[in-house]
């Protein structure tokens, strides 16, 4: 039996596919000159195989963010 992957934000709230999250810290995006600003809302996240990361689209880029920098919106 396969275990269900539990993904939690920085406050311990459970995240699921399609949730909206808010950045709690400004983050530079590696390989670009873009910085994602604190308080930015990111919609429609996708869970990954890693419970500490989510896949999302921000500033027209597909990126992976660590859940420690997110809170449920």
N, C-alpha and C. Protein backbone atom coordinates (compact mmCIF):
# COMPACT_ATOMS: atom_id res chain seq x y z
N UNK A 1 0.84 -1.19 0.00
CA UNK A 1 0.00 0.00 0.00
C UNK A 1 0.88 1.24 0.00
N UNK A 2 0.59 2.17 -0.90
CA UNK A 2 1.39 3.38 -1.03
C UNK A 2 0.97 4.41 0.01
N UNK A 3 1.97 5.02 0.66
CA UNK A 3 1.68 6.05 1.65
C UNK A 3 1.33 7.36 0.95
N UNK A 4 0.40 8.11 1.54
CA UNK A 4 0.04 9.41 1.00
C UNK A 4 1.11 10.42 1.39
N UNK A 5 1.54 11.23 0.41
CA UNK A 5 2.55 12.25 0.65
C UNK A 5 1.91 13.44 1.34
N UNK A 6 2.45 13.83 2.49
CA UNK A 6 1.91 14.98 3.22
C UNK A 6 2.88 16.14 3.07
N UNK A 7 2.38 17.23 2.50
CA UNK A 7 3.19 18.43 2.27
C UNK A 7 2.63 19.54 3.14
N UNK A 8 3.52 20.19 3.91
CA UNK A 8 3.08 21.25 4.82
C UNK A 8 3.85 22.54 4.54
N UNK A 9 3.16 23.69 4.78
CA UNK A 9 3.81 24.98 4.61
C UNK A 9 4.64 25.33 5.85
N UNK A 10 5.17 26.55 5.90
CA UNK A 10 6.04 26.96 7.01
C UNK A 10 5.30 26.98 8.35
N UNK A 11 3.97 27.10 8.34
CA UNK A 11 3.18 27.13 9.56
C UNK A 11 2.60 25.77 9.94
N UNK A 12 2.88 24.76 9.13
CA UNK A 12 2.37 23.42 9.42
C UNK A 12 1.01 23.13 8.80
N UNK A 13 0.50 24.05 7.98
CA UNK A 13 -0.77 23.81 7.28
C UNK A 13 -0.53 22.88 6.10
N UNK A 14 -1.47 21.98 5.89
CA UNK A 14 -1.34 21.00 4.81
C UNK A 14 -1.62 21.64 3.45
N UNK A 15 -0.76 21.35 2.48
CA UNK A 15 -0.93 21.86 1.11
C UNK A 15 -1.38 20.75 0.19
N UNK A 16 -2.16 21.11 -0.84
CA UNK A 16 -2.58 20.13 -1.85
C UNK A 16 -2.52 20.78 -3.23
N UNK A 17 -2.60 19.97 -4.27
CA UNK A 17 -2.58 20.48 -5.64
C UNK A 17 -3.65 21.54 -5.83
N UNK A 18 -3.28 22.65 -6.50
CA UNK A 18 -4.23 23.70 -6.80
C UNK A 18 -4.34 24.78 -5.75
N UNK A 19 -3.69 24.62 -4.60
CA UNK A 19 -3.73 25.64 -3.56
C UNK A 19 -3.00 26.91 -4.00
N UNK A 20 -3.34 28.03 -3.35
CA UNK A 20 -2.60 29.27 -3.51
C UNK A 20 -1.74 29.46 -2.28
N UNK A 21 -0.51 29.94 -2.48
CA UNK A 21 0.40 30.17 -1.37
C UNK A 21 0.98 31.58 -1.45
N UNK A 22 1.52 32.06 -0.34
CA UNK A 22 2.12 33.38 -0.25
C UNK A 22 3.57 33.21 0.18
N UNK A 23 4.49 33.93 -0.48
CA UNK A 23 5.90 33.88 -0.09
C UNK A 23 6.10 34.64 1.22
N UNK A 24 6.86 34.07 2.14
CA UNK A 24 7.13 34.74 3.41
C UNK A 24 8.52 35.38 3.42
N UNK A 25 9.24 35.26 2.30
CA UNK A 25 10.59 35.82 2.18
C UNK A 25 10.85 36.11 0.71
N UNK A 26 11.55 37.21 0.41
CA UNK A 26 11.94 37.49 -0.97
C UNK A 26 13.01 36.49 -1.39
N UNK A 27 12.85 35.92 -2.57
CA UNK A 27 13.75 34.88 -3.04
C UNK A 27 14.30 35.19 -4.42
N UNK A 28 15.64 35.19 -4.58
CA UNK A 28 16.20 35.33 -5.93
C UNK A 28 16.04 34.01 -6.69
N UNK A 29 15.77 34.08 -7.99
CA UNK A 29 15.61 32.88 -8.80
C UNK A 29 16.96 32.58 -9.45
N UNK A 30 17.50 31.39 -9.17
CA UNK A 30 18.81 31.01 -9.71
C UNK A 30 18.81 31.05 -11.23
N UNK A 31 19.90 31.58 -11.81
CA UNK A 31 20.05 31.60 -13.25
C UNK A 31 19.35 32.76 -13.93
N UNK A 32 18.70 33.63 -13.13
CA UNK A 32 18.04 34.81 -13.70
C UNK A 32 18.33 36.02 -12.81
N UNK A 33 17.89 37.18 -13.27
CA UNK A 33 18.03 38.39 -12.44
C UNK A 33 16.73 38.70 -11.70
N UNK A 34 15.79 37.76 -11.73
CA UNK A 34 14.47 37.94 -11.12
C UNK A 34 14.52 37.63 -9.63
N UNK A 35 13.83 38.45 -8.83
CA UNK A 35 13.63 38.17 -7.41
C UNK A 35 12.14 38.13 -7.15
N UNK A 36 11.68 37.04 -6.57
CA UNK A 36 10.27 36.92 -6.18
C UNK A 36 10.11 37.63 -4.84
N UNK A 37 9.20 38.58 -4.77
CA UNK A 37 9.05 39.44 -3.59
C UNK A 37 8.22 38.79 -2.48
N UNK A 38 8.58 39.12 -1.24
CA UNK A 38 7.82 38.67 -0.08
C UNK A 38 6.38 39.15 -0.22
N UNK A 39 5.41 38.29 0.08
CA UNK A 39 4.00 38.64 -0.01
C UNK A 39 3.37 38.30 -1.35
N UNK A 40 4.19 37.86 -2.32
CA UNK A 40 3.67 37.50 -3.65
C UNK A 40 2.77 36.28 -3.53
N UNK A 41 1.61 36.33 -4.17
CA UNK A 41 0.68 35.20 -4.16
C UNK A 41 0.97 34.33 -5.37
N UNK A 42 1.13 33.05 -5.14
CA UNK A 42 1.36 32.09 -6.22
C UNK A 42 0.19 31.12 -6.21
N UNK A 43 -0.49 31.06 -7.35
CA UNK A 43 -1.71 30.27 -7.46
C UNK A 43 -1.44 28.93 -8.13
N UNK A 44 -2.31 27.97 -7.83
CA UNK A 44 -2.34 26.69 -8.52
C UNK A 44 -1.02 25.91 -8.44
N UNK A 45 -0.55 25.66 -7.22
CA UNK A 45 0.69 24.91 -7.04
C UNK A 45 0.46 23.43 -7.37
N UNK A 46 1.54 22.74 -7.67
CA UNK A 46 1.51 21.29 -7.91
C UNK A 46 2.49 20.65 -6.93
N UNK A 47 2.07 19.58 -6.30
CA UNK A 47 2.95 18.86 -5.39
C UNK A 47 3.96 18.05 -6.19
N UNK A 48 5.15 17.84 -5.62
CA UNK A 48 6.19 17.04 -6.25
C UNK A 48 6.38 15.76 -5.44
N UNK A 49 7.35 14.95 -5.82
CA UNK A 49 7.67 13.73 -5.07
C UNK A 49 8.35 14.05 -3.74
N UNK A 50 8.87 15.28 -3.61
CA UNK A 50 9.57 15.71 -2.40
C UNK A 50 8.60 16.51 -1.53
N UNK A 51 8.36 16.10 -0.28
CA UNK A 51 7.42 16.83 0.58
C UNK A 51 7.91 18.23 0.98
N UNK A 52 9.15 18.57 0.65
CA UNK A 52 9.69 19.90 1.00
C UNK A 52 9.70 20.85 -0.19
N UNK A 53 9.13 20.43 -1.33
CA UNK A 53 9.13 21.27 -2.53
C UNK A 53 7.78 21.23 -3.24
N UNK A 54 7.42 22.36 -3.88
CA UNK A 54 6.24 22.42 -4.74
C UNK A 54 6.63 23.03 -6.08
N UNK A 55 5.94 22.60 -7.12
CA UNK A 55 6.15 23.11 -8.47
C UNK A 55 5.09 24.18 -8.72
N UNK A 56 5.49 25.29 -9.35
CA UNK A 56 4.51 26.35 -9.59
C UNK A 56 4.97 27.23 -10.74
N UNK A 57 4.10 28.17 -11.09
CA UNK A 57 4.43 29.13 -12.13
C UNK A 57 4.39 30.51 -11.50
N UNK A 58 5.51 31.23 -11.57
CA UNK A 58 5.60 32.58 -11.01
C UNK A 58 6.38 33.45 -11.99
N UNK A 59 5.90 34.64 -12.22
CA UNK A 59 6.53 35.56 -13.18
C UNK A 59 6.73 34.89 -14.54
N UNK A 60 5.74 34.12 -14.97
CA UNK A 60 5.74 33.42 -16.26
C UNK A 60 6.85 32.38 -16.38
N UNK A 61 7.39 31.93 -15.25
CA UNK A 61 8.43 30.89 -15.24
C UNK A 61 7.92 29.70 -14.44
N UNK A 62 8.26 28.51 -14.87
CA UNK A 62 7.95 27.29 -14.13
C UNK A 62 9.11 27.09 -13.16
N UNK A 63 8.84 27.11 -11.86
CA UNK A 63 9.90 26.98 -10.85
C UNK A 63 9.48 26.03 -9.74
N UNK A 64 10.46 25.60 -8.96
CA UNK A 64 10.22 24.76 -7.79
C UNK A 64 10.60 25.58 -6.56
N UNK A 65 9.68 25.65 -5.61
CA UNK A 65 9.92 26.41 -4.38
C UNK A 65 9.94 25.48 -3.17
N UNK A 66 10.76 25.81 -2.20
CA UNK A 66 10.78 25.05 -0.94
C UNK A 66 9.61 25.49 -0.08
N UNK A 67 8.95 24.53 0.56
CA UNK A 67 7.77 24.83 1.36
C UNK A 67 8.09 25.67 2.59
N UNK A 68 9.34 25.70 3.03
CA UNK A 68 9.70 26.48 4.21
C UNK A 68 9.55 27.99 3.97
N UNK A 69 9.44 28.42 2.71
CA UNK A 69 9.27 29.83 2.37
C UNK A 69 7.85 30.18 1.97
N UNK A 70 6.90 29.27 2.21
CA UNK A 70 5.52 29.47 1.78
C UNK A 70 4.56 29.40 2.96
N UNK A 71 3.45 30.13 2.85
CA UNK A 71 2.33 29.93 3.76
C UNK A 71 1.06 29.85 2.93
N UNK A 72 0.12 29.06 3.39
CA UNK A 72 -1.12 28.85 2.66
C UNK A 72 -1.90 30.16 2.58
N UNK A 73 -2.41 30.46 1.37
CA UNK A 73 -3.07 31.75 1.13
C UNK A 73 -4.52 31.78 1.39
